[in-house]
């Protein structure tokens, strides 16, 4: 749902607490290989693309990944379908 996010941001989101015995738990990041693999598959399907920032000097900086127009349309379609299913159950 966020506009621009990279692999590290997704690792933070999908991470969990690490139990360390008698010490207090700490947050740990999720597995980066799985996230990279999923992002590659979504890019091949055309649902996710890289976002770039163009500076005044002409240099480009990659900012992360974001949904493409096709990805946004698919997400809206799926949300509408699940909304109709959940509304009928109540």
C-alpha atoms as a PDB file:
ATOM      1  CA  UNK A   1       0.000   0.000   0.000  1.00  0.00           C
ATOM      2  CA  UNK A   2       3.023   2.273   0.345  1.00  0.00           C
ATOM      3  CA  UNK A   3       4.078   4.150  -2.781  1.00  0.00           C
ATOM      4  CA  UNK A   4       7.803   3.371  -2.951  1.00  0.00           C
ATOM      5  CA  UNK A   5       9.443   0.557  -1.040  1.00  0.00           C
ATOM      6  CA  UNK A   6      12.621  -1.442  -1.423  1.00  0.00           C
ATOM      7  CA  UNK A   7      13.741  -4.869  -0.286  1.00  0.00           C
ATOM      8  CA  UNK A   8      15.048  -3.540   3.030  1.00  0.00           C
ATOM      9  CA  UNK A   9      11.741  -1.815   3.804  1.00  0.00           C
ATOM     10  CA  UNK A  10       9.850  -5.041   3.113  1.00  0.00           C
ATOM     11  CA  UNK A  11      12.321  -6.960   5.306  1.00  0.00           C
ATOM     12  CA  UNK A  12      11.523  -4.595   8.172  1.00  0.00           C
ATOM     13  CA  UNK A  13       7.768  -4.952   7.599  1.00  0.00           C
ATOM     14  CA  UNK A  14       7.761  -8.751   7.469  1.00  0.00           C
ATOM     15  CA  UNK A  15      10.271  -9.197  10.299  1.00  0.00           C
ATOM     16  CA  UNK A  16       9.296 -10.449  13.726  1.00  0.00           C
ATOM     17  CA  UNK A  17      10.594 -10.578  17.279  1.00  0.00           C
ATOM     18  CA  UNK A  18      13.518 -12.878  18.037  1.00  0.00           C
ATOM     19  CA  UNK A  19      13.150 -14.771  21.300  1.00  0.00           C
ATOM     20  CA  UNK A  20      16.453 -14.774  23.186  1.00  0.00           C
ATOM     21  CA  UNK A  21      15.706 -16.859  26.257  1.00  0.00           C
ATOM     22  CA  UNK A  22      15.684 -14.858  29.481  1.00  0.00           C
ATOM     23  CA  UNK A  23      16.740 -11.641  27.722  1.00  0.00           C
ATOM     24  CA  UNK A  24      14.196  -9.265  26.250  1.00  0.00           C
ATOM     25  CA  UNK A  25      13.144 -10.023  22.634  1.00  0.00           C
ATOM     26  CA  UNK A  26      14.480  -7.844  19.810  1.00  0.00           C
ATOM     27  CA  UNK A  27      13.100  -7.182  16.362  1.00  0.00           C
ATOM     28  CA  UNK A  28      14.671  -9.071  13.471  1.00  0.00           C
ATOM     29  CA  UNK A  29      14.320  -8.529   9.740  1.00  0.00           C
ATOM     30  CA  UNK A  30      12.639 -11.024   7.444  1.00  0.00           C
ATOM     31  CA  UNK A  31      14.368 -13.107   4.770  1.00  0.00           C
ATOM     32  CA  UNK A  32      15.595 -10.930   1.900  1.00  0.00           C
ATOM     33  CA  UNK A  33      16.013 -13.731  -0.656  1.00  0.00           C
ATOM     34  CA  UNK A  34      12.320 -14.607  -0.550  1.00  0.00           C
ATOM     35  CA  UNK A  35      11.325 -10.972  -0.969  1.00  0.00           C
ATOM     36  CA  UNK A  36      13.736 -10.466  -3.891  1.00  0.00           C
ATOM     37  CA  UNK A  37      12.432 -13.634  -5.556  1.00  0.00           C
ATOM     38  CA  UNK A  38       8.809 -12.467  -5.209  1.00  0.00           C
ATOM     39  CA  UNK A  39       9.630  -8.993  -6.534  1.00  0.00           C
ATOM     40  CA  UNK A  40      11.371 -10.491  -9.575  1.00  0.00           C
ATOM     41  CA  UNK A  41       8.276 -12.587 -10.338  1.00  0.00           C
ATOM     42  CA  UNK A  42       5.999  -9.557  -9.928  1.00  0.00           C
ATOM     43  CA  UNK A  43       8.240  -7.534 -12.259  1.00  0.00           C
ATOM     44  CA  UNK A  44       8.084 -10.284 -14.880  1.00  0.00           C
ATOM     45  CA  UNK A  45       4.280 -10.240 -14.618  1.00  0.00           C
ATOM     46  CA  UNK A  46       4.288  -6.455 -15.074  1.00  0.00           C
ATOM     47  CA  UNK A  47       2.662  -5.667 -11.722  1.00  0.00           C
ATOM     48  CA  UNK A  48       5.697  -3.992 -10.099  1.00  0.00           C
ATOM     49  CA  UNK A  49       8.327  -1.686 -11.573  1.00  0.00           C
ATOM     50  CA  UNK A  50      11.303   0.328 -10.383  1.00  0.00           C
ATOM     51  CA  UNK A  51      10.821   3.986  -9.522  1.00  0.00           C
ATOM     52  CA  UNK A  52      13.531   6.433 -10.487  1.00  0.00           C
ATOM     53  CA  UNK A  53      14.337   9.975  -9.438  1.00  0.00           C
ATOM     54  CA  UNK A  54      15.772  12.265 -12.091  1.00  0.00           C
ATOM     55  CA  UNK A  55      18.001  15.033 -10.725  1.00  0.00           C
ATOM     56  CA  UNK A  56      18.679  18.358 -12.417  1.00  0.00           C
ATOM     57  CA  UNK A  57      22.177  17.244 -13.424  1.00  0.00           C
ATOM     58  CA  UNK A  58      20.694  14.409 -15.469  1.00  0.00           C
ATOM     59  CA  UNK A  59      21.643  11.605 -13.088  1.00  0.00           C
ATOM     60  CA  UNK A  60      19.090   8.963 -12.161  1.00  0.00           C
ATOM     61  CA  UNK A  61      18.701   7.394  -8.735  1.00  0.00           C
ATOM     62  CA  UNK A  62      16.643   4.259  -8.180  1.00  0.00           C
ATOM     63  CA  UNK A  63      14.231   4.881  -5.299  1.00  0.00           C
ATOM     64  CA  UNK A  64      12.688   1.398  -4.902  1.00  0.00           C
ATOM     65  CA  UNK A  65       9.779  -0.609  -6.259  1.00  0.00           C
ATOM     66  CA  UNK A  66       6.209   0.532  -6.856  1.00  0.00           C
ATOM     67  CA  UNK A  67       3.019  -0.824  -8.404  1.00  0.00           C
ATOM     68  CA  UNK A  68       2.485  -0.168 -12.102  1.00  0.00           C
ATOM     69  CA  UNK A  69      -0.864   0.871 -13.573  1.00  0.00           C
ATOM     70  CA  UNK A  70      -1.629  -2.771 -14.332  1.00  0.00           C
ATOM     71  CA  UNK A  71      -0.781  -3.717 -10.739  1.00  0.00           C
ATOM     72  CA  UNK A  72      -3.021  -0.980  -9.328  1.00  0.00           C
ATOM     73  CA  UNK A  73      -5.926  -2.109 -11.521  1.00  0.00           C
ATOM     74  CA  UNK A  74      -5.498  -5.724 -10.393  1.00  0.00           C
ATOM     75  CA  UNK A  75      -5.330  -4.725  -6.715  1.00  0.00           C
ATOM     76  CA  UNK A  76      -8.510  -2.633  -7.054  1.00  0.00           C
ATOM     77  CA  UNK A  77     -10.306  -5.463  -8.842  1.00  0.00           C
ATOM     78  CA  UNK A  78      -9.335  -8.005  -6.178  1.00  0.00           C
ATOM     79  CA  UNK A  79     -10.342  -5.614  -3.374  1.00  0.00           C
ATOM     80  CA  UNK A  80     -13.764  -5.060  -4.973  1.00  0.00           C
ATOM     81  CA  UNK A  81     -14.332  -8.817  -5.352  1.00  0.00           C
ATOM     82  CA  UNK A  82     -13.405  -9.582  -1.737  1.00  0.00           C
ATOM     83  CA  UNK A  83     -15.540  -6.659  -0.565  1.00  0.00           C
ATOM     84  CA  UNK A  84     -18.575  -8.123  -2.322  1.00  0.00           C
ATOM     85  CA  UNK A  85     -17.920 -11.588  -0.855  1.00  0.00           C
ATOM     86  CA  UNK A  86     -17.510 -10.248   2.693  1.00  0.00           C
ATOM     87  CA  UNK A  87     -20.595  -8.034   2.392  1.00  0.00           C
ATOM     88  CA  UNK A  88     -22.750 -11.018   1.422  1.00  0.00           C
ATOM     89  CA  UNK A  89     -21.631 -13.029   4.497  1.00  0.00           C
ATOM     90  CA  UNK A  90     -22.854 -10.458   7.029  1.00  0.00           C
END
